[in-house]
Amino acid sequence: MTNSREPHQSRPASMTRAGGDHARTAAFFDLDKTIIATSSAYAFGREFLHNGLISPTEALQLSLAKASYMFSGLSSEGMDTTRDQLTAMITGWSVEEVRAIARETMHQVVTPSIYAEARELIRAHRAAGDHVVIVSASAAVLVDIIAEELGVEHVIATELAEEDGLFTGEVLFYCKGPHKAKALERTATAENIDLSASYAYSDSATDIPMLEKVGHPVAVNPDKHLHRHALAHEWDIRSFKAPVPLLPAPSAKKIGIGASVLAGTTAAIGAGLWLAQHPNRLGQLKRDP
């Protein structure tokens, strides 16, 4: 971490509750790019392909979406679009099959991407007796499994409708933006939590409503909008180091798609990232014969 405080080594004095105060202190953690160095939804994508749940074309779409997400993050509108695409994709999937695949592959696809700093920070909060909560826009069926790995018992996440053991494609609760903030308030009431003494961690400006609900908001690897907001409001800013490359290049054999598709995916991702860094070249390329 780049800041001077090392919470996994010693608990900051401000995190200690007064002896006579029975209200609990909580620590609310966003998941993607805060606890893990990727998107939980995209991380399991190749495993769903390998098990026949998605097609190579859908896998390519996921790869491109992941590349865009990791490079520049997602706006609120982008998150909504991604939600709609993913929920349409999983309509009719077996809930238990998704859960089983995620659980079986957890240690291969997600555990290596957990930030060491986040893992230690969660341990420090739990050791201090704080109520630790993961709050994520990802589907609860995936977040629950990651929470188990981290020893976190309370999850607030996007809830997908199920019928006869299958996902219907309906979103019952979308855990994003203001909805996260309201979920924090409900949790605080139910669990006797003092939000003014509590902590919240996130990388995204879409989580500003959640961060504003607590007395100790922390911007972790913030996007530019959150970084600007954090500086203006004198919030703590921390940098967690990625434990693995953000865009690993898996082999075609491992993910079960042809070499040509893999090559096309890699080329498209590379071209997309290059154009994102050189937007003035796009117009020129369009004009050139």
C-alpha atoms as a PDB file:
ATOM      1  CA  MET A   1       0.000   0.000   0.000  1.00  0.00           C
ATOM      2  CA  THR A   2       1.219   3.453  -0.764  1.00  0.00           C
ATOM      3  CA  ASN A   3      -0.235   5.175   2.281  1.00  0.00           C
ATOM      4  CA  SER A   4       1.571   5.223   5.602  1.00  0.00           C
ATOM      5  CA  ARG A   5      -1.029   3.191   7.495  1.00  0.00           C
ATOM      6  CA  GLU A   6      -0.667  -0.580   7.470  1.00  0.00           C
ATOM      7  CA  PRO A   7      -3.968  -1.879   8.933  1.00  0.00           C
ATOM      8  CA  HIS A   8      -2.956  -5.515   8.474  1.00  0.00           C
ATOM      9  CA  GLN A   9      -0.031  -4.902  10.813  1.00  0.00           C
ATOM     10  CA  SER A  10      -1.723  -2.720  13.398  1.00  0.00           C
ATOM     11  CA  ARG A  11      -5.250  -1.412  13.845  1.00  0.00           C
ATOM     12  CA  PRO A  12      -5.559   2.404  13.500  1.00  0.00           C
ATOM     13  CA  ALA A  13      -6.675   4.059  16.722  1.00  0.00           C
ATOM     14  CA  SER A  14      -9.700   5.519  14.912  1.00  0.00           C
ATOM     15  CA  MET A  15     -11.028   1.998  14.335  1.00  0.00           C
ATOM     16  CA  THR A  16     -11.261   1.198  18.057  1.00  0.00           C
ATOM     17  CA  ARG A  17     -14.760   1.430  19.498  1.00  0.00           C
ATOM     18  CA  ALA A  18     -15.433   3.164  22.765  1.00  0.00           C
ATOM     19  CA  GLY A  19     -15.891   0.647  25.559  1.00  0.00           C
ATOM     20  CA  GLY A  20     -19.388   1.754  26.492  1.00  0.00           C
ATOM     21  CA  ASP A  21     -20.731   1.906  22.953  1.00  0.00           C
ATOM     22  CA  HIS A  22     -22.649  -1.231  22.039  1.00  0.00           C
ATOM     23  CA  ALA A  23     -23.188  -0.219  18.419  1.00  0.00           C
ATOM     24  CA  ARG A  24     -21.048  -2.256  16.056  1.00  0.00           C
ATOM     25  CA  THR A  25     -18.422  -1.015  13.617  1.00  0.00           C
ATOM     26  CA  ALA A  26     -18.557  -2.409  10.092  1.00  0.00           C
ATOM     27  CA  ALA A  27     -16.292  -2.564   7.063  1.00  0.00           C
ATOM     28  CA  PHE A  28     -18.028  -2.617   3.669  1.00  0.00           C
ATOM     29  CA  PHE A  29     -15.955  -3.817   0.718  1.00  0.00           C
ATOM     30  CA  ASP A  30     -16.732  -3.495  -2.956  1.00  0.00           C
ATOM     31  CA  LEU A  31     -15.514  -6.622  -4.777  1.00  0.00           C
ATOM     32  CA  ASP A  32     -14.324  -6.090  -8.345  1.00  0.00           C
ATOM     33  CA  LYS A  33     -11.007  -4.188  -8.570  1.00  0.00           C
ATOM     34  CA  THR A  34     -11.185  -3.573  -4.807  1.00  0.00           C
ATOM     35  CA  ILE A  35     -10.814  -7.069  -3.355  1.00  0.00           C
ATOM     36  CA  ILE A  36      -9.966  -8.843  -6.606  1.00  0.00           C
ATOM     37  CA  ALA A  37      -7.954  -7.498  -9.530  1.00  0.00           C
ATOM     38  CA  THR A  38     -10.618  -8.331 -12.102  1.00  0.00           C
ATOM     39  CA  SER A  39     -14.365  -8.738 -12.555  1.00  0.00           C
ATOM     40  CA  SER A  40     -15.862 -11.749 -10.820  1.00  0.00           C
ATOM     41  CA  ALA A  41     -18.400 -12.199 -13.625  1.00  0.00           C
ATOM     42  CA  TYR A  42     -15.717 -12.198 -16.329  1.00  0.00           C
ATOM     43  CA  ALA A  43     -13.328 -14.330 -14.282  1.00  0.00           C
ATOM     44  CA  PHE A  44     -15.633 -17.348 -14.440  1.00  0.00           C
ATOM     45  CA  GLY A  45     -16.488 -16.799 -18.121  1.00  0.00           C
ATOM     46  CA  ARG A  46     -13.993 -19.240 -19.610  1.00  0.00           C
ATOM     47  CA  GLU A  47     -15.052 -21.918 -17.121  1.00  0.00           C
ATOM     48  CA  PHE A  48     -18.660 -21.558 -18.257  1.00  0.00           C
ATOM     49  CA  LEU A  49     -17.405 -21.915 -21.848  1.00  0.00           C
ATOM     50  CA  HIS A  50     -15.406 -25.009 -20.963  1.00  0.00           C
ATOM     51  CA  ASN A  51     -18.534 -26.544 -19.432  1.00  0.00           C
ATOM     52  CA  GLY A  52     -20.691 -25.738 -22.446  1.00  0.00           C
ATOM     53  CA  LEU A  53     -22.811 -22.982 -20.920  1.00  0.00           C
ATOM     54  CA  ILE A  54     -21.662 -20.289 -23.355  1.00  0.00           C
ATOM     55  CA  SER A  55     -20.553 -20.340 -26.976  1.00  0.00           C
ATOM     56  CA  PRO A  56     -17.131 -19.273 -28.341  1.00  0.00           C
ATOM     57  CA  THR A  57     -18.804 -16.115 -29.688  1.00  0.00           C
ATOM     58  CA  GLU A  58     -20.149 -15.247 -26.247  1.00  0.00           C
ATOM     59  CA  ALA A  59     -16.700 -16.002 -24.794  1.00  0.00           C
ATOM     60  CA  LEU A  60     -15.190 -13.529 -27.253  1.00  0.00           C
ATOM     61  CA  GLN A  61     -17.728 -10.903 -26.206  1.00  0.00           C
ATOM     62  CA  LEU A  62     -16.838 -11.498 -22.555  1.00  0.00           C
ATOM     63  CA  SER A  63     -13.127 -11.166 -23.327  1.00  0.00           C
ATOM     64  CA  LEU A  64     -13.632  -7.848 -25.097  1.00  0.00           C
ATOM     65  CA  ALA A  65     -15.895  -6.591 -22.330  1.00  0.00           C
ATOM     66  CA  LYS A  66     -13.311  -7.596 -19.736  1.00  0.00           C
ATOM     67  CA  ALA A  67     -10.562  -5.794 -21.648  1.00  0.00           C
ATOM     68  CA  SER A  68     -12.606  -2.600 -21.723  1.00  0.00           C
ATOM     69  CA  TYR A  69     -13.508  -2.944 -18.041  1.00  0.00           C
ATOM     70  CA  MET A  70      -9.942  -3.539 -16.880  1.00  0.00           C
ATOM     71  CA  PHE A  71      -8.546  -0.692 -18.984  1.00  0.00           C
ATOM     72  CA  SER A  72     -11.008   2.080 -18.255  1.00  0.00           C
ATOM     73  CA  GLY A  73     -13.692   0.736 -15.912  1.00  0.00           C
ATOM     74  CA  LEU A  74     -17.393   1.069 -16.598  1.00  0.00           C
ATOM     75  CA  SER A  75     -19.677   4.070 -16.441  1.00  0.00           C
ATOM     76  CA  SER A  76     -23.072   3.731 -14.814  1.00  0.00           C
ATOM     77  CA  GLU A  77     -24.617   3.215 -18.244  1.00  0.00           C
ATOM     78  CA  GLY A  78     -21.933   0.691 -19.127  1.00  0.00           C
ATOM     79  CA  MET A  79     -22.675  -1.274 -15.990  1.00  0.00           C
ATOM     80  CA  ASP A  80     -26.360  -1.369 -16.910  1.00  0.00           C
ATOM     81  CA  THR A  81     -25.541  -2.617 -20.415  1.00  0.00           C
ATOM     82  CA  THR A  82     -23.245  -5.299 -19.051  1.00  0.00           C
ATOM     83  CA  ARG A  83     -25.917  -6.365 -16.550  1.00  0.00           C
ATOM     84  CA  ASP A  84     -28.462  -6.760 -19.346  1.00  0.00           C
ATOM     85  CA  GLN A  85     -26.042  -8.730 -21.533  1.00  0.00           C
ATOM     86  CA  LEU A  86     -25.022 -11.093 -18.746  1.00  0.00           C
ATOM     87  CA  THR A  87     -28.552 -11.705 -17.467  1.00  0.00           C
ATOM     88  CA  ALA A  88     -29.719 -12.453 -21.016  1.00  0.00           C
ATOM     89  CA  MET A  89     -26.808 -14.859 -21.415  1.00  0.00           C
ATOM     90  CA  ILE A  90     -27.568 -16.860 -18.261  1.00  0.00           C
ATOM     91  CA  THR A  91     -31.332 -17.150 -18.739  1.00  0.00           C
ATOM     92  CA  GLY A  92     -32.207 -20.822 -18.430  1.00  0.00           C
ATOM     93  CA  TRP A  93     -28.929 -21.855 -16.783  1.00  0.00           C
ATOM     94  CA  SER A  94     -29.042 -24.265 -13.877  1.00  0.00           C
ATOM     95  CA  VAL A  95     -28.418 -22.432 -10.625  1.00  0.00           C
ATOM     96  CA  GLU A  96     -26.742 -25.446  -9.060  1.00  0.00           C
ATOM     97  CA  GLU A  97     -24.536 -26.031 -12.110  1.00  0.00           C
ATOM     98  CA  VAL A  98     -23.333 -22.427 -12.054  1.00  0.00           C
ATOM     99  CA  ARG A  99     -22.654 -22.685  -8.329  1.00  0.00           C
ATOM    100  CA  ALA A 100     -20.809 -25.997  -8.751  1.00  0.00           C
ATOM    101  CA  ILE A 101     -18.628 -24.716 -11.606  1.00  0.00           C
ATOM    102  CA  ALA A 102     -17.777 -21.561  -9.697  1.00  0.00           C
ATOM    103  CA  ARG A 103     -16.919 -23.490  -6.552  1.00  0.00           C
ATOM    104  CA  GLU A 104     -14.809 -26.066  -8.394  1.00  0.00           C
ATOM    105  CA  THR A 105     -12.795 -23.442 -10.275  1.00  0.00           C
ATOM    106  CA  MET A 106     -12.623 -20.777  -7.573  1.00  0.00           C
ATOM    107  CA  HIS A 107      -9.002 -21.473  -6.664  1.00  0.00           C
ATOM    108  CA  GLN A 108      -7.866 -21.443 -10.297  1.00  0.00           C
ATOM    109  CA  VAL A 109      -9.618 -18.328 -11.574  1.00  0.00           C
ATOM    110  CA  VAL A 110     -10.343 -16.035  -8.619  1.00  0.00           C
ATOM    111  CA  THR A 111      -8.108 -16.823  -5.641  1.00  0.00           C
ATOM    112  CA  PRO A 112      -4.911 -15.815  -7.528  1.00  0.00           C
ATOM    113  CA  SER A 113      -6.443 -12.411  -8.290  1.00  0.00           C
ATOM    114  CA  ILE A 114      -7.247 -11.477  -4.681  1.00  0.00           C
ATOM    115  CA  TYR A 115      -5.192  -8.478  -3.588  1.00  0.00           C
ATOM    116  CA  ALA A 116      -2.941  -9.450  -0.697  1.00  0.00           C
ATOM    117  CA  GLU A 117      -3.602  -6.036   0.856  1.00  0.00           C
ATOM    118  CA  ALA A 118      -7.365  -6.580   0.701  1.00  0.00           C
ATOM    119  CA  ARG A 119      -7.114 -10.040   2.213  1.00  0.00           C
ATOM    120  CA  GLU A 120      -5.030  -8.725   5.122  1.00  0.00           C
ATOM    121  CA  LEU A 121      -7.307  -5.727   5.615  1.00  0.00           C
ATOM    122  CA  ILE A 122     -10.330  -8.002   5.862  1.00  0.00           C
ATOM    123  CA  ARG A 123      -8.481 -10.115   8.410  1.00  0.00           C
ATOM    124  CA  ALA A 124      -7.632  -7.004  10.437  1.00  0.00           C
ATOM    125  CA  HIS A 125     -11.261  -5.864  10.514  1.00  0.00           C
ATOM    126  CA  ARG A 126     -12.480  -9.329  11.501  1.00  0.00           C
ATOM    127  CA  ALA A 127      -9.818  -9.614  14.204  1.00  0.00           C
ATOM    128  CA  ALA A 128     -10.998  -6.282  15.591  1.00  0.00           C
ATOM    129  CA  GLY A 129     -14.545  -7.630  15.837  1.00  0.00           C
ATOM    130  CA  ASP A 130     -15.909  -5.523  12.995  1.00  0.00           C
ATOM    131  CA  HIS A 131     -18.853  -6.698  10.927  1.00  0.00           C
ATOM    132  CA  VAL A 132     -17.342  -7.292   7.461  1.00  0.00           C
ATOM    133  CA  VAL A 133     -19.615  -7.114   4.427  1.00  0.00           C
ATOM    134  CA  ILE A 134     -18.895  -7.566   0.715  1.00  0.00           C
ATOM    135  CA  VAL A 135     -21.144  -5.295  -1.343  1.00  0.00           C
ATOM    136  CA  SER A 136     -21.081  -6.095  -5.051  1.00  0.00           C
ATOM    137  CA  ALA A 137     -22.965  -5.530  -8.289  1.00  0.00           C
ATOM    138  CA  SER A 138     -22.012  -9.084  -9.285  1.00  0.00           C
ATOM    139  CA  ALA A 139     -24.491 -11.916  -8.826  1.00  0.00           C
ATOM    140  CA  ALA A 140     -24.805 -13.290  -5.316  1.00  0.00           C
ATOM    141  CA  VAL A 141     -24.334 -16.854  -6.595  1.00  0.00           C
ATOM    142  CA  LEU A 142     -20.725 -15.926  -7.449  1.00  0.00           C
ATOM    143  CA  VAL A 143     -20.016 -13.445  -4.662  1.00  0.00           C
ATOM    144  CA  ASP A 144     -21.050 -15.911  -1.951  1.00  0.00           C
ATOM    145  CA  ILE A 145     -18.304 -18.321  -3.008  1.00  0.00           C
ATOM    146  CA  ILE A 146     -15.636 -15.603  -2.981  1.00  0.00           C
ATOM    147  CA  ALA A 147     -16.849 -14.451   0.430  1.00  0.00           C
ATOM    148  CA  GLU A 148     -16.416 -17.982   1.776  1.00  0.00           C
ATOM    149  CA  GLU A 149     -12.802 -17.955   0.603  1.00  0.00           C
ATOM    150  CA  LEU A 150     -12.223 -14.742   2.567  1.00  0.00           C
ATOM    151  CA  GLY A 151     -14.124 -15.805   5.683  1.00  0.00           C
ATOM    152  CA  VAL A 152     -16.769 -13.110   5.145  1.00  0.00           C
ATOM    153  CA  GLU A 153     -20.242 -14.170   6.251  1.00  0.00           C
ATOM    154  CA  HIS A 154     -22.334 -11.206   5.084  1.00  0.00           C
ATOM    155  CA  VAL A 155     -22.843 -10.475   1.373  1.00  0.00           C
ATOM    156  CA  ILE A 156     -24.966  -7.824  -0.313  1.00  0.00           C
ATOM    157  CA  ALA A 157     -25.069  -8.503  -4.052  1.00  0.00           C
ATOM    158  CA  THR A 158     -27.245  -8.517  -7.142  1.00  0.00           C
ATOM    159  CA  GLU A 159     -30.074 -11.022  -6.754  1.00  0.00           C
ATOM    160  CA  LEU A 160     -31.245 -12.983  -9.796  1.00  0.00           C
ATOM    161  CA  ALA A 161     -34.673 -14.610  -9.993  1.00  0.00           C
ATOM    162  CA  GLU A 162     -34.852 -18.409 -10.042  1.00  0.00           C
ATOM    163  CA  GLU A 163     -37.641 -20.775 -11.045  1.00  0.00           C
ATOM    164  CA  ASP A 164     -37.500 -24.562 -10.987  1.00  0.00           C
ATOM    165  CA  GLY A 165     -33.770 -24.382 -10.329  1.00  0.00           C
ATOM    166  CA  LEU A 166     -33.062 -22.171 -13.361  1.00  0.00           C
ATOM    167  CA  PHE A 167     -32.243 -18.480 -13.736  1.00  0.00           C
ATOM    168  CA  THR A 168     -35.179 -16.656 -15.340  1.00  0.00           C
ATOM    169  CA  GLY A 169     -33.193 -13.620 -16.510  1.00  0.00           C
ATOM    170  CA  GLU A 170     -35.042 -11.285 -14.157  1.00  0.00           C
ATOM    171  CA  VAL A 171     -33.016  -9.094 -11.791  1.00  0.00           C
ATOM    172  CA  LEU A 172     -34.711  -8.872  -8.390  1.00  0.00           C
ATOM    173  CA  PHE A 173     -32.201  -6.465  -6.871  1.00  0.00           C
ATOM    174  CA  TYR A 174     -29.425  -4.626  -8.730  1.00  0.00           C
ATOM    175  CA  CYS A 175     -26.731  -3.786  -6.194  1.00  0.00           C
ATOM    176  CA  LYS A 176     -25.325  -0.637  -7.765  1.00  0.00           C
ATOM    177  CA  GLY A 177     -24.942   3.047  -6.905  1.00  0.00           C
ATOM    178  CA  PRO A 178     -27.742   4.374  -4.668  1.00  0.00           C
ATOM    179  CA  HIS A 179     -29.018   0.821  -4.138  1.00  0.00           C
ATOM    180  CA  LYS A 180     -25.744  -0.028  -2.405  1.00  0.00           C
ATOM    181  CA  ALA A 181     -26.136   2.988  -0.143  1.00  0.00           C
ATOM    182  CA  LYS A 182     -29.691   1.992   0.819  1.00  0.00           C
ATOM    183  CA  ALA A 183     -28.527  -1.575   1.458  1.00  0.00           C
ATOM    184  CA  LEU A 184     -25.896  -0.221   3.859  1.00  0.00           C
ATOM    185  CA  GLU A 185     -28.559   1.675   5.773  1.00  0.00           C
ATOM    186  CA  ARG A 186     -30.788  -1.416   6.018  1.00  0.00           C
ATOM    187  CA  THR A 187     -27.834  -3.503   7.199  1.00  0.00           C
ATOM    188  CA  ALA A 188     -26.882  -0.865   9.751  1.00  0.00           C
ATOM    189  CA  THR A 189     -30.384  -0.937  11.204  1.00  0.00           C
ATOM    190  CA  ALA A 190     -30.615  -4.723  11.254  1.00  0.00           C
ATOM    191  CA  GLU A 191     -27.134  -5.302  12.694  1.00  0.00           C
ATOM    192  CA  ASN A 192     -26.957  -2.301  15.082  1.00  0.00           C
ATOM    193  CA  ILE A 193     -24.084  -0.749  13.151  1.00  0.00           C
ATOM    194  CA  ASP A 194     -22.778   2.758  13.700  1.00  0.00           C
ATOM    195  CA  LEU A 195     -22.127   3.953  10.147  1.00  0.00           C
ATOM    196  CA  SER A 196     -20.307   7.057  11.383  1.00  0.00           C
ATOM    197  CA  ALA A 197     -17.646   4.791  12.886  1.00  0.00           C
ATOM    198  CA  SER A 198     -17.595   2.369   9.957  1.00  0.00           C
ATOM    199  CA  TYR A 199     -15.446   1.957   6.853  1.00  0.00           C
ATOM    200  CA  ALA A 200     -16.210   1.470   3.175  1.00  0.00           C
ATOM    201  CA  TYR A 201     -13.780   0.591   0.388  1.00  0.00           C
ATOM    202  CA  SER A 202     -14.275   0.925  -3.373  1.00  0.00           C
ATOM    203  CA  ASP A 203     -12.500   1.712  -6.636  1.00  0.00           C
ATOM    204  CA  SER A 204     -15.409   3.234  -8.548  1.00  0.00           C
ATOM    205  CA  ALA A 205     -17.158   6.595  -8.660  1.00  0.00           C
ATOM    206  CA  THR A 206     -20.446   4.702  -8.996  1.00  0.00           C
ATOM    207  CA  ASP A 207     -19.947   3.769  -5.330  1.00  0.00           C
ATOM    208  CA  ILE A 208     -19.688   7.344  -4.040  1.00  0.00           C
ATOM    209  CA  PRO A 209     -23.216   7.107  -2.540  1.00  0.00           C
ATOM    210  CA  MET A 210     -22.068   4.075  -0.530  1.00  0.00           C
ATOM    211  CA  LEU A 211     -18.790   5.689   0.515  1.00  0.00           C
ATOM    212  CA  GLU A 212     -20.611   8.810   1.697  1.00  0.00           C
ATOM    213  CA  LYS A 213     -22.681   6.759   4.143  1.00  0.00           C
ATOM    214  CA  VAL A 214     -19.741   5.898   6.397  1.00  0.00           C
ATOM    215  CA  GLY A 215     -17.434   7.921   8.576  1.00  0.00           C
ATOM    216  CA  HIS A 216     -14.309   6.453   6.982  1.00  0.00           C
ATOM    217  CA  PRO A 217     -14.604   6.192   3.192  1.00  0.00           C
ATOM    218  CA  VAL A 218     -11.545   4.773   1.423  1.00  0.00           C
ATOM    219  CA  ALA A 219     -10.837   4.969  -2.310  1.00  0.00           C
ATOM    220  CA  VAL A 220      -8.900   1.869  -3.399  1.00  0.00           C
ATOM    221  CA  ASN A 221      -7.196   2.011  -6.807  1.00  0.00           C
ATOM    222  CA  PRO A 222      -9.754   4.711  -7.674  1.00  0.00           C
ATOM    223  CA  ASP A 223     -10.883   5.569 -11.173  1.00  0.00           C
ATOM    224  CA  LYS A 224     -10.244   9.179 -12.174  1.00  0.00           C
ATOM    225  CA  HIS A 225     -13.645  10.453 -11.070  1.00  0.00           C
ATOM    226  CA  LEU A 226     -13.443   8.821  -7.652  1.00  0.00           C
ATOM    227  CA  HIS A 227      -9.825   9.948  -7.270  1.00  0.00           C
ATOM    228  CA  ARG A 228     -10.848  13.547  -7.912  1.00  0.00           C
ATOM    229  CA  HIS A 229     -13.778  13.253  -5.483  1.00  0.00           C
ATOM    230  CA  ALA A 230     -11.609  11.638  -2.805  1.00  0.00           C
ATOM    231  CA  LEU A 231      -9.003  14.377  -3.049  1.00  0.00           C
ATOM    232  CA  ALA A 232     -11.659  17.098  -2.850  1.00  0.00           C
ATOM    233  CA  HIS A 233     -13.201  15.522   0.259  1.00  0.00           C
ATOM    234  CA  GLU A 234      -9.896  14.481   1.871  1.00  0.00           C
ATOM    235  CA  TRP A 235     -10.758  10.804   1.808  1.00  0.00           C
ATOM    236  CA  ASP A 236      -8.131   8.141   2.336  1.00  0.00           C
ATOM    237  CA  ILE A 237      -6.703   6.864  -0.966  1.00  0.00           C
ATOM    238  CA  ARG A 238      -4.934   3.520  -1.160  1.00  0.00           C
ATOM    239  CA  SER A 239      -3.208   1.557  -3.873  1.00  0.00           C
ATOM    240  CA  PHE A 240      -3.403  -2.231  -3.863  1.00  0.00           C
ATOM    241  CA  LYS A 241      -0.986  -4.062  -6.143  1.00  0.00           C
ATOM    242  CA  ALA A 242      -2.351  -6.636  -8.554  1.00  0.00           C
ATOM    243  CA  PRO A 243      -1.170 -10.129  -7.571  1.00  0.00           C
ATOM    244  CA  VAL A 244      -1.403 -11.338 -11.179  1.00  0.00           C
ATOM    245  CA  PRO A 245      -1.495  -9.668 -14.628  1.00  0.00           C
ATOM    246  CA  LEU A 246      -4.864  -8.018 -15.117  1.00  0.00           C
ATOM    247  CA  LEU A 247      -5.286  -9.502 -18.599  1.00  0.00           C
ATOM    248  CA  PRO A 248      -3.715 -12.973 -18.559  1.00  0.00           C
ATOM    249  CA  ALA A 249      -3.659 -14.773 -21.890  1.00  0.00           C
ATOM    250  CA  PRO A 250      -4.968 -18.328 -21.312  1.00  0.00           C
ATOM    251  CA  SER A 251      -4.174 -21.027 -23.842  1.00  0.00           C
ATOM    252  CA  ALA A 252      -6.761 -22.073 -26.401  1.00  0.00           C
ATOM    253  CA  LYS A 253      -6.553 -25.638 -25.114  1.00  0.00           C
ATOM    254  CA  LYS A 254      -7.326 -24.565 -21.554  1.00  0.00           C
ATOM    255  CA  ILE A 255     -10.459 -22.604 -22.393  1.00  0.00           C
ATOM    256  CA  GLY A 256     -11.615 -24.953 -25.118  1.00  0.00           C
ATOM    257  CA  ILE A 257     -11.779 -22.612 -28.117  1.00  0.00           C
ATOM    258  CA  GLY A 258      -9.897 -22.733 -31.395  1.00  0.00           C
ATOM    259  CA  ALA A 259      -6.575 -20.990 -31.895  1.00  0.00           C
ATOM    260  CA  SER A 260      -8.087 -18.695 -34.496  1.00  0.00           C
ATOM    261  CA  VAL A 261     -10.718 -17.443 -32.066  1.00  0.00           C
ATOM    262  CA  LEU A 262      -8.078 -16.955 -29.365  1.00  0.00           C
ATOM    263  CA  ALA A 263      -5.865 -15.062 -31.809  1.00  0.00           C
ATOM    264  CA  GLY A 264      -8.793 -12.904 -32.851  1.00  0.00           C
ATOM    265  CA  THR A 265      -9.643 -12.180 -29.222  1.00  0.00           C
ATOM    266  CA  THR A 266      -6.058 -11.224 -28.396  1.00  0.00           C
ATOM    267  CA  ALA A 267      -5.768  -9.037 -31.490  1.00  0.00           C
ATOM    268  CA  ALA A 268      -9.085  -7.330 -30.820  1.00  0.00           C
ATOM    269  CA  ILE A 269      -8.172  -6.625 -27.218  1.00  0.00           C
ATOM    270  CA  GLY A 270      -4.797  -5.242 -28.252  1.00  0.00           C
ATOM    271  CA  ALA A 271      -6.302  -3.082 -30.964  1.00  0.00           C
ATOM    272  CA  GLY A 272      -9.007  -1.823 -28.634  1.00  0.00           C
ATOM    273  CA  LEU A 273      -6.511  -0.826 -25.960  1.00  0.00           C
ATOM    274  CA  TRP A 274      -4.239   0.850 -28.543  1.00  0.00           C
ATOM    275  CA  LEU A 275      -7.110   2.869 -30.010  1.00  0.00           C
ATOM    276  CA  ALA A 276      -8.252   3.860 -26.531  1.00  0.00           C
ATOM    277  CA  GLN A 277      -4.816   5.387 -25.980  1.00  0.00           C
ATOM    278  CA  HIS A 278      -4.654   6.972 -29.477  1.00  0.00           C
ATOM    279  CA  PRO A 279      -8.206   8.217 -30.195  1.00  0.00           C
ATOM    280  CA  ASN A 280      -6.987  10.675 -32.847  1.00  0.00           C
ATOM    281  CA  ARG A 281      -5.804   7.770 -34.980  1.00  0.00           C
ATOM    282  CA  LEU A 282      -9.309   6.363 -35.322  1.00  0.00           C
ATOM    283  CA  GLY A 283     -10.461   9.122 -37.618  1.00  0.00           C
ATOM    284  CA  GLN A 284      -7.324   8.815 -39.698  1.00  0.00           C
ATOM    285  CA  LEU A 285      -7.758   5.065 -40.076  1.00  0.00           C
ATOM    286  CA  LYS A 286     -11.318   5.575 -41.249  1.00  0.00           C
ATOM    287  CA  ARG A 287     -10.152   8.042 -43.909  1.00  0.00           C
ATOM    288  CA  ASP A 288      -7.297   5.914 -45.214  1.00  0.00           C
ATOM    289  CA  PRO A 289      -8.248   3.627 -48.152  1.00  0.00           C
END
